[in-house]
Amino acid sequence: MKLNMKAVLALAIGFFAVSAYAQAPTDPQIVGVVVAANKIDINYAHLALAKSHNKLVREFARDMVTDHTAVQKSVFALGAKLRVTPAGSGISASLNKQAAETMAHLKTLHGAAFDKAYVDNEVGYHKAVINAVSTVLIPNAKNAELKSALEGAAPMFQGHLEHAEHIQATLAAGDNH
């Protein structure tokens, strides 16, 4: 199975767009989506740390573990404060299914092929997350603190996307630190 980034991105964005017109997620489901999305990116980063020898890729993966672990802790703290328990949904189930397929593929790759696929996936994944947060999660969040937390996380996700795009361009130029 060859990872086609455009197809993965189209699928992710398409799914989130469709879910916006289906049943709107509840606050517990929104928290569940955030928890799932963070866990997925942490897992991708741990795989990159185990497989990559590229300095830029490894530094990015360490940042993903640090940042998404911090977000995860704050999500659980906010959930406890608001008495909102993360709940499953079609969105989180789809995220987990796609992540399992992506992880299986990434595990088959080595060296520069792994680095490229990991970074390409991070670009697509962060684009999809930014889209989902702005078009599905924020508009459907009923609790003001939850909505504010989602809005507050947007700059971090955008920064991750820009960082991943920079590494993607560096790898494409053949700079393999």
Foldseek 3Di string as FASTA:
>chain_A
DDDDLVVLLCVLQVVLVVVQVPDADEQLQLLQQLLLLLVLLLVLLVVCCVAEPFPLSVVLSVVSNVVSVVLNVVSVVVCVVVVRHRDHDPSSVVSVVVSVVLVVVLVVDHYLVSSLSSLSVLLSSLVSVLSNLVRGNLVRYPDPVSNVSSVVCNVVSVVSNVSSVVVNVCVVVVNRD
